[in-house]
């Protein structure tokens, strides 16, 4: 998954760079490349990155349940002493 993320990111950056390079000569094609790069970054790369970073996490550890609130209160009492 990490390799896929790196390859997709390099492709997006390359496409944006190409769009900025070609923009003075052919404005519409350059703008299209830059726009598609931004769309790819936010709708392809970012969801893949978020999935990659959170796939092995337990969401209950990050929710404010009664048990987690009690743990935080106990931890706060221990630090004060």
Foldseek 3Di string as FASTA:
>chain_A
DVVVLVVLLVVLVVLLVVLVVCCVPPVVSSVVSNVVSVCCVPVPNVVVVVCVVPVPDDCVCVDDDPVNVVVVVVVVVVVVD
